[in-house]
PDB file of N, CA and C in Angstrom:
ATOM      1  N   MET A   1      -2.533   4.914  -5.819  1.00  0.00           N
ATOM      2  CA  MET A   1      -1.666   4.677  -4.684  1.00  0.00           C
ATOM      3  C   MET A   1      -1.629   3.176  -4.415  1.00  0.00           C
ATOM      4  N   TRP A   2      -0.431   2.651  -4.261  1.00  0.00           N
ATOM      5  CA  TRP A   2      -0.234   1.241  -3.936  1.00  0.00           C
ATOM      6  C   TRP A   2       0.329   1.151  -2.532  1.00  0.00           C
ATOM      7  N   LEU A   3      -0.205   0.226  -1.765  1.00  0.00           N
ATOM      8  CA  LEU A   3       0.238   0.024  -0.389  1.00  0.00           C
ATOM      9  C   LEU A   3       0.757  -1.391  -0.184  1.00  0.00           C
ATOM     10  N   ALA A   4       1.764  -1.520   0.642  1.00  0.00           N
ATOM     11  CA  ALA A   4       2.202  -2.825   1.149  1.00  0.00           C
ATOM     12  C   ALA A   4       1.961  -2.770   2.654  1.00  0.00           C
ATOM     13  N   VAL A   5       1.142  -3.697   3.150  1.00  0.00           N
ATOM     14  CA  VAL A   5       0.693  -3.649   4.535  1.00  0.00           C
ATOM     15  C   VAL A   5       1.077  -4.934   5.250  1.00  0.00           C
ATOM     16  N   GLU A   6       1.611  -4.783   6.434  1.00  0.00           N
ATOM     17  CA  GLU A   6       1.863  -5.930   7.310  1.00  0.00           C
ATOM     18  C   GLU A   6       0.520  -6.275   7.949  1.00  0.00           C
ATOM     19  N   ARG A   7      -0.022  -7.428   7.610  1.00  0.00           N
ATOM     20  CA  ARG A   7      -1.384  -7.763   8.010  1.00  0.00           C
ATOM     21  C   ARG A   7      -1.558  -7.886   9.520  1.00  0.00           C
ATOM     22  N   ALA A   8      -0.564  -8.408  10.220  1.00  0.00           N
ATOM     23  CA  ALA A   8      -0.714  -8.634  11.660  1.00  0.00           C
ATOM     24  C   ALA A   8      -0.886  -7.327  12.428  1.00  0.00           C
ATOM     25  N   SER A   9      -0.113  -6.314  12.061  1.00  0.00           N
ATOM     26  CA  SER A   9      -0.174  -5.043  12.789  1.00  0.00           C
ATOM     27  C   SER A   9      -0.959  -3.968  12.042  1.00  0.00           C
ATOM     28  N   ARG A  10      -1.282  -4.220  10.769  1.00  0.00           N
ATOM     29  CA  ARG A  10      -1.945  -3.247   9.885  1.00  0.00           C
ATOM     30  C   ARG A  10      -1.069  -2.026   9.628  1.00  0.00           C
ATOM     31  N   ARG A  11       0.218  -2.209   9.762  1.00  0.00           N
ATOM     32  CA  ARG A  11       1.176  -1.123   9.528  1.00  0.00           C
ATOM     33  C   ARG A  11       1.507  -1.062   8.047  1.00  0.00           C
ATOM     34  N   ILE A  12       1.543   0.144   7.504  1.00  0.00           N
ATOM     35  CA  ILE A  12       1.928   0.348   6.110  1.00  0.00           C
ATOM     36  C   ILE A  12       3.452   0.328   6.066  1.00  0.00           C
ATOM     37  N   VAL A  13       4.022  -0.647   5.356  1.00  0.00           N
ATOM     38  CA  VAL A  13       5.477  -0.789   5.321  1.00  0.00           C
ATOM     39  C   VAL A  13       6.087  -0.162   4.074  1.00  0.00           C
ATOM     40  N   ALA A  14       5.276   0.073   3.041  1.00  0.00           N
ATOM     41  CA  ALA A  14       5.755   0.742   1.825  1.00  0.00           C
ATOM     42  C   ALA A  14       4.553   1.253   1.045  1.00  0.00           C
ATOM     43  N   TRP A  15       4.777   2.323   0.285  1.00  0.00           N
ATOM     44  CA  TRP A  15       3.720   2.853  -0.574  1.00  0.00           C
ATOM     45  C   TRP A  15       4.348   3.632  -1.716  1.00  0.00           C
ATOM     46  N   VAL A  16       3.655   3.659  -2.840  1.00  0.00           N
ATOM     47  CA  VAL A  16       4.077   4.433  -4.005  1.00  0.00           C
ATOM     48  C   VAL A  16       2.839   4.982  -4.697  1.00  0.00           C
ATOM     49  N   LEU A  17       3.041   6.059  -5.423  1.00  0.00           N
ATOM     50  CA  LEU A  17       1.997   6.609  -6.278  1.00  0.00           C
ATOM     51  C   LEU A  17       2.337   6.263  -7.710  1.00  0.00           C
ATOM     52  N   GLY A  18       1.328   5.917  -8.501  1.00  0.00           N
ATOM     53  CA  GLY A  18       1.573   5.623  -9.904  1.00  0.00           C
ATOM     54  C   GLY A  18       0.411   4.878 -10.525  1.00  0.00           C
ATOM     55  N   THR A  19       0.607   4.502 -11.765  1.00  0.00           N
ATOM     56  CA  THR A  19      -0.412   3.765 -12.500  1.00  0.00           C
ATOM     57  C   THR A  19      -0.458   2.322 -12.011  1.00  0.00           C
ATOM     58  N   ARG A  20      -1.380   1.549 -12.531  1.00  0.00           N
ATOM     59  CA  ARG A  20      -1.489   0.141 -12.142  1.00  0.00           C
ATOM     60  C   ARG A  20      -0.619  -0.745 -13.029  1.00  0.00           C
ATOM     61  N   GLY A  21       0.521  -0.228 -13.470  1.00  0.00           N
ATOM     62  CA  GLY A  21       1.400  -0.979 -14.355  1.00  0.00           C
ATOM     63  C   GLY A  21       2.534  -1.682 -13.629  1.00  0.00           C
ATOM     64  N   THR A  22       3.288  -2.452 -14.388  1.00  0.00           N
ATOM     65  CA  THR A  22       4.401  -3.218 -13.855  1.00  0.00           C
ATOM     66  C   THR A  22       5.502  -2.318 -13.298  1.00  0.00           C
ATOM     67  N   ALA A  23       5.742  -1.167 -13.938  1.00  0.00           N
ATOM     68  CA  ALA A  23       6.796  -0.262 -13.471  1.00  0.00           C
ATOM     69  C   ALA A  23       6.502   0.235 -12.050  1.00  0.00           C
ATOM     70  N   THR A  24       5.257   0.568 -11.768  1.00  0.00           N
ATOM     71  CA  THR A  24       4.892   1.033 -10.428  1.00  0.00           C
ATOM     72  C   THR A  24       4.984  -0.116  -9.432  1.00  0.00           C
ATOM     73  N   CYS A  25       4.601  -1.301  -9.851  1.00  0.00           N
ATOM     74  CA  CYS A  25       4.710  -2.471  -8.971  1.00  0.00           C
ATOM     75  C   CYS A  25       6.175  -2.730  -8.630  1.00  0.00           C
ATOM     76  N   ARG A  26       7.078  -2.562  -9.590  1.00  0.00           N
ATOM     77  CA  ARG A  26       8.515  -2.716  -9.321  1.00  0.00           C
ATOM     78  C   ARG A  26       9.001  -1.659  -8.328  1.00  0.00           C
ATOM     79  N   ARG A  27       8.478  -0.438  -8.430  1.00  0.00           N
ATOM     80  CA  ARG A  27       8.853   0.610  -7.478  1.00  0.00           C
ATOM     81  C   ARG A  27       8.373   0.259  -6.076  1.00  0.00           C
ATOM     82  N   LEU A  28       7.171  -0.319  -5.971  1.00  0.00           N
ATOM     83  CA  LEU A  28       6.667  -0.743  -4.664  1.00  0.00           C
ATOM     84  C   LEU A  28       7.557  -1.848  -4.092  1.00  0.00           C
ATOM     85  N   TRP A  29       7.933  -2.798  -4.931  1.00  0.00           N
ATOM     86  CA  TRP A  29       8.812  -3.890  -4.501  1.00  0.00           C
ATOM     87  C   TRP A  29      10.140  -3.328  -4.000  1.00  0.00           C
ATOM     88  N   ALA A  30      10.687  -2.354  -4.718  1.00  0.00           N
ATOM     89  CA  ALA A  30      11.956  -1.740  -4.312  1.00  0.00           C
ATOM     90  C   ALA A  30      11.806  -0.939  -3.019  1.00  0.00           C
ATOM     91  N   ALA A  31      10.619  -0.403  -2.769  1.00  0.00           N
ATOM     92  CA  ALA A  31      10.375   0.392  -1.560  1.00  0.00           C
ATOM     93  C   ALA A  31      10.206  -0.473  -0.311  1.00  0.00           C
ATOM     94  N   LEU A  32       9.922  -1.768  -0.508  1.00  0.00           N
ATOM     95  CA  LEU A  32       9.753  -2.660   0.642  1.00  0.00           C
ATOM     96  C   LEU A  32      11.061  -2.795   1.419  1.00  0.00           C
ATOM     97  N   PRO A  33      11.018  -2.742   2.738  1.00  0.00           N
ATOM     98  CA  PRO A  33      12.230  -3.048   3.513  1.00  0.00           C
ATOM     99  C   PRO A  33      12.696  -4.468   3.179  1.00  0.00           C
ATOM    100  N   ALA A  34      13.994  -4.678   3.220  1.00  0.00           N
ATOM    101  CA  ALA A  34      14.595  -5.956   2.801  1.00  0.00           C
ATOM    102  C   ALA A  34      13.972  -7.157   3.496  1.00  0.00           C
ATOM    103  N   ARG A  35      13.638  -7.032   4.770  1.00  0.00           N
ATOM    104  CA  ARG A  35      13.106  -8.196   5.495  1.00  0.00           C
ATOM    105  C   ARG A  35      11.733  -8.633   5.004  1.00  0.00           C
ATOM    106  N   TYR A  36      11.026  -7.752   4.282  1.00  0.00           N
ATOM    107  CA  TYR A  36       9.719  -8.121   3.738  1.00  0.00           C
ATOM    108  C   TYR A  36       9.828  -8.715   2.340  1.00  0.00           C
ATOM    109  N   ARG A  37      11.021  -8.767   1.774  1.00  0.00           N
ATOM    110  CA  ARG A  37      11.175  -9.330   0.434  1.00  0.00           C
ATOM    111  C   ARG A  37      11.472 -10.823   0.450  1.00  0.00           C
ATOM    112  N   CYS A  38      11.620 -11.394   1.635  1.00  0.00           N
ATOM    113  CA  CYS A  38      11.831 -12.834   1.731  1.00  0.00           C
ATOM    114  C   CYS A  38      11.062 -13.358   2.941  1.00  0.00           C
ATOM    115  N   HIS A  39      10.724 -14.606   2.907  1.00  0.00           N
ATOM    116  CA  HIS A  39       9.996 -15.264   4.001  1.00  0.00           C
ATOM    117  C   HIS A  39       8.616 -14.649   4.257  1.00  0.00           C
ATOM    118  N   CYS A  40       8.003 -14.098   3.223  1.00  0.00           N
ATOM    119  CA  CYS A  40       6.652 -13.529   3.364  1.00  0.00           C
ATOM    120  C   CYS A  40       5.770 -14.059   2.241  1.00  0.00           C
ATOM    121  N   TRP A  41       4.483 -14.035   2.490  1.00  0.00           N
ATOM    122  CA  TRP A  41       3.500 -14.273   1.442  1.00  0.00           C
ATOM    123  C   TRP A  41       2.917 -12.939   1.057  1.00  0.00           C
ATOM    124  N   TYR A  42       2.586 -12.797  -0.219  1.00  0.00           N
ATOM    125  CA  TYR A  42       2.049 -11.553  -0.743  1.00  0.00           C
ATOM    126  C   TYR A  42       0.649 -11.829  -1.284  1.00  0.00           C
ATOM    127  N   HIS A  43      -0.350 -11.322  -0.602  1.00  0.00           N
ATOM    128  CA  HIS A  43      -1.738 -11.511  -1.011  1.00  0.00           C
ATOM    129  C   HIS A  43      -2.167 -10.331  -1.871  1.00  0.00           C
ATOM    130  N   THR A  44      -2.620 -10.619  -3.097  1.00  0.00           N
ATOM    131  CA  THR A  44      -3.005  -9.562  -4.034  1.00  0.00           C
ATOM    132  C   THR A  44      -4.269  -9.967  -4.773  1.00  0.00           C
ATOM    133  N   ASP A  45      -4.796  -9.013  -5.546  1.00  0.00           N
ATOM    134  CA  ASP A  45      -5.854  -9.382  -6.473  1.00  0.00           C
ATOM    135  C   ASP A  45      -5.174 -10.004  -7.699  1.00  0.00           C
ATOM    136  N   GLU A  46      -5.912 -10.243  -8.744  1.00  0.00           N
ATOM    137  CA  GLU A  46      -5.336 -10.941  -9.901  1.00  0.00           C
ATOM    138  C   GLU A  46      -4.778 -10.003 -10.965  1.00  0.00           C
ATOM    139  N   TRP A  47      -4.419  -8.788 -10.595  1.00  0.00           N
ATOM    140  CA  TRP A  47      -3.850  -7.832 -11.535  1.00  0.00           C
ATOM    141  C   TRP A  47      -2.533  -8.378 -12.074  1.00  0.00           C
ATOM    142  N   PRO A  48      -2.325  -8.360 -13.406  1.00  0.00           N
ATOM    143  CA  PRO A  48      -1.135  -8.978 -14.018  1.00  0.00           C
ATOM    144  C   PRO A  48       0.207  -8.409 -13.538  1.00  0.00           C
ATOM    145  N   ALA A  49       0.259  -7.154 -13.135  1.00  0.00           N
ATOM    146  CA  ALA A  49       1.525  -6.552 -12.708  1.00  0.00           C
ATOM    147  C   ALA A  49       2.117  -7.288 -11.510  1.00  0.00           C
ATOM    148  N   TYR A  50       1.272  -7.777 -10.616  1.00  0.00           N
ATOM    149  CA  TYR A  50       1.779  -8.495  -9.447  1.00  0.00           C
ATOM    150  C   TYR A  50       2.502  -9.774  -9.858  1.00  0.00           C
ATOM    151  N   ALA A  51       1.912 -10.510 -10.777  1.00  0.00           N
ATOM    152  CA  ALA A  51       2.517 -11.769 -11.222  1.00  0.00           C
ATOM    153  C   ALA A  51       3.852 -11.536 -11.918  1.00  0.00           C
ATOM    154  N   ALA A  52       4.007 -10.363 -12.550  1.00  0.00           N
ATOM    155  CA  ALA A  52       5.255 -10.061 -13.255  1.00  0.00           C
ATOM    156  C   ALA A  52       6.384  -9.670 -12.302  1.00  0.00           C
ATOM    157  N   VAL A  53       6.040  -9.234 -11.081  1.00  0.00           N
ATOM    158  CA  VAL A  53       7.057  -8.701 -10.173  1.00  0.00           C
ATOM    159  C   VAL A  53       7.287  -9.580  -8.945  1.00  0.00           C
ATOM    160  N   LEU A  54       6.233 -10.063  -8.332  1.00  0.00           N
ATOM    161  CA  LEU A  54       6.365 -10.816  -7.081  1.00  0.00           C
ATOM    162  C   LEU A  54       6.898 -12.225  -7.325  1.00  0.00           C
ATOM    163  N   PRO A  55       7.651 -12.764  -6.376  1.00  0.00           N
ATOM    164  CA  PRO A  55       8.158 -14.131  -6.526  1.00  0.00           C
ATOM    165  C   PRO A  55       6.989 -15.126  -6.607  1.00  0.00           C
ATOM    166  N   PRO A  56       6.970 -15.980  -7.615  1.00  0.00           N
ATOM    167  CA  PRO A  56       5.822 -16.884  -7.804  1.00  0.00           C
ATOM    168  C   PRO A  56       5.549 -17.802  -6.612  1.00  0.00           C
ATOM    169  N   HIS A  57       6.584 -18.251  -5.921  1.00  0.00           N
ATOM    170  CA  HIS A  57       6.380 -19.181  -4.808  1.00  0.00           C
ATOM    171  C   HIS A  57       5.713 -18.512  -3.605  1.00  0.00           C
ATOM    172  N   ALA A  58       5.760 -17.195  -3.526  1.00  0.00           N
ATOM    173  CA  ALA A  58       5.207 -16.491  -2.370  1.00  0.00           C
ATOM    174  C   ALA A  58       3.958 -15.681  -2.703  1.00  0.00           C
ATOM    175  N   HIS A  59       3.592 -15.635  -3.980  1.00  0.00           N
ATOM    176  CA  HIS A  59       2.454 -14.819  -4.403  1.00  0.00           C
ATOM    177  C   HIS A  59       1.150 -15.603  -4.253  1.00  0.00           C
ATOM    178  N   ARG A  60       0.217 -15.068  -3.483  1.00  0.00           N
ATOM    179  CA  ARG A  60      -1.103 -15.672  -3.282  1.00  0.00           C
ATOM    180  C   ARG A  60      -2.132 -14.759  -3.907  1.00  0.00           C
ATOM    181  N   ARG A  61      -2.807 -15.238  -4.944  1.00  0.00           N
ATOM    182  CA  ARG A  61      -3.752 -14.411  -5.681  1.00  0.00           C
ATOM    183  C   ARG A  61      -5.186 -14.655  -5.276  1.00  0.00           C
ATOM    184  N   ASP A  62      -5.877 -13.574  -5.003  1.00  0.00           N
ATOM    185  CA  ASP A  62      -7.331 -13.554  -4.866  1.00  0.00           C
ATOM    186  C   ASP A  62      -7.887 -14.619  -3.924  1.00  0.00           C
ATOM    187  N   GLU A  63      -7.234 -14.808  -2.806  1.00  0.00           N
ATOM    188  CA  GLU A  63      -7.801 -15.694  -1.799  1.00  0.00           C
ATOM    189  C   GLU A  63      -8.831 -14.881  -1.026  1.00  0.00           C
ATOM    190  N   PRO A  64     -10.029 -15.394  -0.842  1.00  0.00           N
ATOM    191  CA  PRO A  64     -11.109 -14.609  -0.219  1.00  0.00           C
ATOM    192  C   PRO A  64     -10.713 -14.004   1.123  1.00  0.00           C
ATOM    193  N   GLY A  65     -10.941 -12.696   1.251  1.00  0.00           N
ATOM    194  CA  GLY A  65     -10.717 -11.993   2.498  1.00  0.00           C
ATOM    195  C   GLY A  65      -9.292 -11.579   2.786  1.00  0.00           C
ATOM    196  N   GLN A  66      -8.328 -11.982   1.967  1.00  0.00           N
ATOM    197  CA  GLN A  66      -6.927 -11.715   2.280  1.00  0.00           C
ATOM    198  C   GLN A  66      -6.501 -10.281   1.950  1.00  0.00           C
ATOM    199  N   THR A  67      -7.239  -9.599   1.085  1.00  0.00           N
ATOM    200  CA  THR A  67      -6.884  -8.217   0.749  1.00  0.00           C
ATOM    201  C   THR A  67      -7.762  -7.209   1.486  1.00  0.00           C
ATOM    202  N   ASN A  68      -8.583  -7.677   2.417  1.00  0.00           N
ATOM    203  CA  ASN A  68      -9.485  -6.780   3.146  1.00  0.00           C
ATOM    204  C   ASN A  68      -8.742  -5.710   3.935  1.00  0.00           C
ATOM    205  N   VAL A  69      -7.603  -6.031   4.492  1.00  0.00           N
ATOM    206  CA  VAL A  69      -6.849  -5.072   5.296  1.00  0.00           C
ATOM    207  C   VAL A  69      -6.424  -3.882   4.431  1.00  0.00           C
ATOM    208  N   VAL A  70      -5.901  -4.148   3.240  1.00  0.00           N
ATOM    209  CA  VAL A  70      -5.470  -3.075   2.343  1.00  0.00           C
ATOM    210  C   VAL A  70      -6.669  -2.250   1.885  1.00  0.00           C
ATOM    211  N   GLU A  71      -7.763  -2.922   1.542  1.00  0.00           N
ATOM    212  CA  GLU A  71      -8.957  -2.200   1.104  1.00  0.00           C
ATOM    213  C   GLU A  71      -9.496  -1.301   2.211  1.00  0.00           C
ATOM    214  N   ALA A  72      -9.480  -1.773   3.446  1.00  0.00           N
ATOM    215  CA  ALA A  72      -9.945  -0.960   4.571  1.00  0.00           C
ATOM    216  C   ALA A  72      -9.023   0.237   4.795  1.00  0.00           C
ATOM    217  N   LEU A  73      -7.710   0.023   4.661  1.00  0.00           N
ATOM    218  CA  LEU A  73      -6.771   1.134   4.820  1.00  0.00           C
ATOM    219  C   LEU A  73      -6.933   2.170   3.720  1.00  0.00           C
ATOM    220  N   ASN A  74      -7.163   1.728   2.487  1.00  0.00           N
ATOM    221  CA  ASN A  74      -7.409   2.671   1.393  1.00  0.00           C
ATOM    222  C   ASN A  74      -8.627   3.533   1.700  1.00  0.00           C
ATOM    223  N   CYS A  75      -9.680   2.917   2.184  1.00  0.00           N
ATOM    224  CA  CYS A  75     -10.894   3.651   2.538  1.00  0.00           C
ATOM    225  C   CYS A  75     -10.610   4.643   3.664  1.00  0.00           C
ATOM    226  N   SER A  76      -9.897   4.210   4.671  1.00  0.00           N
ATOM    227  CA  SER A  76      -9.554   5.063   5.805  1.00  0.00           C
ATOM    228  C   SER A  76      -8.699   6.255   5.359  1.00  0.00           C
ATOM    229  N   LEU A  77      -7.731   5.995   4.492  1.00  0.00           N
ATOM    230  CA  LEU A  77      -6.882   7.084   4.004  1.00  0.00           C
ATOM    231  C   LEU A  77      -7.680   8.080   3.173  1.00  0.00           C
ATOM    232  N   ARG A  78      -8.635   7.601   2.390  1.00  0.00           N
ATOM    233  CA  ARG A  78      -9.487   8.517   1.626  1.00  0.00           C
ATOM    234  C   ARG A  78     -10.293   9.414   2.558  1.00  0.00           C
ATOM    235  N   GLN A  79     -10.743   8.851   3.686  1.00  0.00           N
ATOM    236  CA  GLN A  79     -11.499   9.643   4.652  1.00  0.00           C
ATOM    237  C   GLN A  79     -10.617  10.675   5.338  1.00  0.00           C
ATOM    238  N   ARG A  80      -9.382  10.302   5.630  1.00  0.00           N
ATOM    239  CA  ARG A  80      -8.472  11.202   6.349  1.00  0.00           C
ATOM    240  C   ARG A  80      -7.816  12.238   5.459  1.00  0.00           C
ATOM    241  N   CYS A  81      -7.717  11.933   4.192  1.00  0.00           N
ATOM    242  CA  CYS A  81      -6.928  12.769   3.286  1.00  0.00           C
ATOM    243  C   CYS A  81      -7.787  13.183   2.096  1.00  0.00           C
ATOM    244  N   GLY A  82      -8.372  14.357   2.171  1.00  0.00           N
ATOM    245  CA  GLY A  82      -9.268  14.839   1.120  1.00  0.00           C
ATOM    246  C   GLY A  82      -8.627  14.931  -0.243  1.00  0.00           C
ATOM    247  N   VAL A  83      -7.297  14.988  -0.297  1.00  0.00           N
ATOM    248  CA  VAL A  83      -6.600  15.081  -1.570  1.00  0.00           C
ATOM    249  C   VAL A  83      -6.846  13.841  -2.439  1.00  0.00           C
ATOM    250  N   LEU A  84      -7.271  12.742  -1.832  1.00  0.00           N
ATOM    251  CA  LEU A  84      -7.518  11.516  -2.598  1.00  0.00           C
ATOM    252  C   LEU A  84      -8.917  11.459  -3.197  1.00  0.00           C
ATOM    253  N   VAL A  85      -9.733  12.437  -2.907  1.00  0.00           N
ATOM    254  CA  VAL A  85     -11.098  12.483  -3.427  1.00  0.00           C
ATOM    255  C   VAL A  85     -11.175  13.619  -4.431  1.00  0.00           C
ATOM    256  N   ARG A  86     -11.338  13.293  -5.681  1.00  0.00           N
ATOM    257  CA  ARG A  86     -11.241  14.257  -6.772  1.00  0.00           C
ATOM    258  C   ARG A  86     -12.226  15.418  -6.650  1.00  0.00           C
ATOM    259  N   LYS A  87     -13.390  15.205  -6.090  1.00  0.00           N
ATOM    260  CA  LYS A  87     -14.393  16.267  -6.029  1.00  0.00           C
ATOM    261  C   LYS A  87     -14.380  17.024  -4.705  1.00  0.00           C
ATOM    262  N   SER A  88     -13.335  16.884  -3.932  1.00  0.00           N
ATOM    263  CA  SER A  88     -13.267  17.599  -2.659  1.00  0.00           C
ATOM    264  C   SER A  88     -12.753  19.020  -2.879  1.00  0.00           C
ATOM    265  N   CYS A  89     -12.960  19.869  -1.912  1.00  0.00           N
ATOM    266  CA  CYS A  89     -12.471  21.253  -1.973  1.00  0.00           C
ATOM    267  C   CYS A  89     -10.956  21.298  -1.863  1.00  0.00           C
ATOM    268  N   SER A  90     -10.350  20.273  -1.305  1.00  0.00           N
ATOM    269  CA  SER A  90      -8.903  20.288  -1.073  1.00  0.00           C
ATOM    270  C   SER A  90      -8.119  19.574  -2.175  1.00  0.00           C
ATOM    271  N   PHE A  91      -8.765  19.229  -3.280  1.00  0.00           N
ATOM    272  CA  PHE A  91      -8.082  18.503  -4.353  1.00  0.00           C
ATOM    273  C   PHE A  91      -7.015  19.395  -4.987  1.00  0.00           C
ATOM    274  N   SER A  92      -5.826  18.867  -5.163  1.00  0.00           N
ATOM    275  CA  SER A  92      -4.714  19.606  -5.749  1.00  0.00           C
ATOM    276  C   SER A  92      -4.258  18.888  -7.010  1.00  0.00           C
ATOM    277  N   LYS A  93      -3.744  19.636  -7.966  1.00  0.00           N
ATOM    278  CA  LYS A  93      -3.213  19.042  -9.191  1.00  0.00           C
ATOM    279  C   LYS A  93      -1.705  18.818  -9.116  1.00  0.00           C
ATOM    280  N   SER A  94      -1.117  19.198  -8.004  1.00  0.00           N
ATOM    281  CA  SER A  94       0.329  19.085  -7.826  1.00  0.00           C
ATOM    282  C   SER A  94       0.688  17.725  -7.234  1.00  0.00           C
ATOM    283  N   LEU A  95       1.516  16.950  -7.955  1.00  0.00           N
ATOM    284  CA  LEU A  95       1.919  15.629  -7.478  1.00  0.00           C
ATOM    285  C   LEU A  95       2.705  15.733  -6.170  1.00  0.00           C
ATOM    286  N   SER A  96       3.550  16.744  -6.043  1.00  0.00           N
ATOM    287  CA  SER A  96       4.318  16.879  -4.804  1.00  0.00           C
ATOM    288  C   SER A  96       3.404  17.161  -3.610  1.00  0.00           C
ATOM    289  N   MET A  97       2.318  17.911  -3.820  1.00  0.00           N
ATOM    290  CA  MET A  97       1.362  18.161  -2.735  1.00  0.00           C
ATOM    291  C   MET A  97       0.606  16.874  -2.385  1.00  0.00           C
ATOM    292  N   HIS A  98       0.229  16.088  -3.409  1.00  0.00           N
ATOM    293  CA  HIS A  98      -0.419  14.792  -3.153  1.00  0.00           C
ATOM    294  C   HIS A  98       0.486  13.936  -2.267  1.00  0.00           C
ATOM    295  N   GLN A  99       1.740  13.814  -2.665  1.00  0.00           N
ATOM    296  CA  GLN A  99       2.676  12.969  -1.920  1.00  0.00           C
ATOM    297  C   GLN A  99       2.861  13.457  -0.490  1.00  0.00           C
ATOM    298  N   ALA A 100       2.991  14.766  -0.307  1.00  0.00           N
ATOM    299  CA  ALA A 100       3.197  15.311   1.035  1.00  0.00           C
ATOM    300  C   ALA A 100       1.982  15.055   1.927  1.00  0.00           C
ATOM    301  N   ARG A 101       0.786  15.267   1.397  1.00  0.00           N
ATOM    302  CA  ARG A 101      -0.417  15.080   2.208  1.00  0.00           C
ATOM    303  C   ARG A 101      -0.679  13.606   2.491  1.00  0.00           C
ATOM    304  N   ILE A 102      -0.397  12.747   1.521  1.00  0.00           N
ATOM    305  CA  ILE A 102      -0.551  11.312   1.738  1.00  0.00           C
ATOM    306  C   ILE A 102       0.455  10.835   2.777  1.00  0.00           C
ATOM    307  N   LYS A 103       1.683  11.339   2.699  1.00  0.00           N
ATOM    308  CA  LYS A 103       2.707  10.953   3.675  1.00  0.00           C
ATOM    309  C   LYS A 103       2.276  11.344   5.086  1.00  0.00           C
ATOM    310  N   ILE A 104       1.681  12.511   5.245  1.00  0.00           N
ATOM    311  CA  ILE A 104       1.182  12.932   6.559  1.00  0.00           C
ATOM    312  C   ILE A 104       0.106  11.967   7.047  1.00  0.00           C
ATOM    313  N   ALA A 105      -0.839  11.606   6.176  1.00  0.00           N
ATOM    314  CA  ALA A 105      -1.916  10.678   6.559  1.00  0.00           C
ATOM    315  C   ALA A 105      -1.356   9.308   6.924  1.00  0.00           C
ATOM    316  N   ILE A 106      -0.374   8.825   6.163  1.00  0.00           N
ATOM    317  CA  ILE A 106       0.226   7.520   6.452  1.00  0.00           C
ATOM    318  C   ILE A 106       1.010   7.567   7.759  1.00  0.00           C
ATOM    319  N   ASN A 107       1.732   8.656   7.999  1.00  0.00           N
ATOM    320  CA  ASN A 107       2.459   8.792   9.266  1.00  0.00           C
ATOM    321  C   ASN A 107       1.503   8.828  10.450  1.00  0.00           C
ATOM    322  N   GLN A 108       0.360   9.495  10.303  1.00  0.00           N
ATOM    323  CA  GLN A 108      -0.641   9.512  11.370  1.00  0.00           C
ATOM    324  C   GLN A 108      -1.175   8.105  11.610  1.00  0.00           C
ATOM    325  N   HIS A 109      -1.422   7.372  10.523  1.00  0.00           N
ATOM    326  CA  HIS A 109      -1.894   5.994  10.662  1.00  0.00           C
ATOM    327  C   HIS A 109      -0.842   5.145  11.378  1.00  0.00           C
ATOM    328  N   SER A 110       0.411   5.278  10.950  1.00  0.00           N
ATOM    329  CA  SER A 110       1.488   4.485  11.546  1.00  0.00           C
ATOM    330  C   SER A 110       1.638   4.774  13.032  1.00  0.00           C
ATOM    331  N   ALA A 111       1.443   6.009  13.423  1.00  0.00           N
ATOM    332  CA  ALA A 111       1.549   6.371  14.837  1.00  0.00           C
ATOM    333  C   ALA A 111       0.410   5.787  15.659  1.00  0.00           C
ATOM    334  N   SER A 112      -0.697   5.484  15.000  1.00  0.00           N
ATOM    335  CA  SER A 112      -1.862   4.989  15.730  1.00  0.00           C
ATOM    336  C   SER A 112      -1.893   3.472  15.901  1.00  0.00           C
ATOM    337  N   VAL A 113      -1.061   2.733  15.156  1.00  0.00           N
ATOM    338  CA  VAL A 113      -1.067   1.272  15.273  1.00  0.00           C
ATOM    339  C   VAL A 113      -0.045   0.829  16.302  1.00  0.00           C
ATOM    340  N   THR A 114      -0.314  -0.280  16.937  1.00  0.00           N
ATOM    341  CA  THR A 114       0.608  -0.846  17.907  1.00  0.00           C
ATOM    342  C   THR A 114       1.689  -1.594  17.151  1.00  0.00           C
ATOM    343  N   LEU A 115       2.925  -1.216  17.368  1.00  0.00           N
ATOM    344  CA  LEU A 115       4.034  -1.854  16.670  1.00  0.00           C
ATOM    345  C   LEU A 115       4.598  -2.993  17.492  1.00  0.00           C
ATOM    346  N   TYR A 116       4.829  -4.101  16.851  1.00  0.00           N
ATOM    347  CA  TYR A 116       5.494  -5.235  17.476  1.00  0.00           C
ATOM    348  C   TYR A 116       6.157  -6.049  16.386  1.00  0.00           C
ATOM    349  N   GLU A 117       7.141  -6.787  16.752  1.00  0.00           N
ATOM    350  CA  GLU A 117       7.885  -7.597  15.799  1.00  0.00           C
ATOM    351  C   GLU A 117       7.129  -8.872  15.488  1.00  0.00           C
ATOM    352  N   VAL A 118       7.023  -9.191  14.195  1.00  0.00           N
ATOM    353  CA  VAL A 118       6.388 -10.449  13.800  1.00  0.00           C
ATOM    354  C   VAL A 118       7.407 -11.422  13.240  1.00  0.00           C
ATOM    355  N   PHE A 119       8.626 -10.975  13.097  1.00  0.00           N
ATOM    356  CA  PHE A 119       9.677 -11.851  12.577  1.00  0.00           C
ATOM    357  C   PHE A 119      10.556 -12.317  13.687  1.00  0.00           C
TER     358      PHE A 119
END
């Protein structure tokens, strides 16, 4: 699961399921609302797929502490959504069930954050 998170509000603005390849990164980029595709910085780890997709002038790689928000959200989603833990009783092999349950967890997260405009 790949997440795009607005750091100020911790709101998940886009997400996709897939491998850690360039094709999935392109799908995440396409899923971003238009206003997040310009005038933003993108903090990522040094995975090559990011460099192939994100605009070079806005891509910030592996700056200490900048990806902590996404890592914390991934951990939180794993706690809320047993489908993300392979050895849980609720693990399903159906991709559509994974997507539906993850969407519910993300919607619950989105409802819990305070929304405000940063642009």
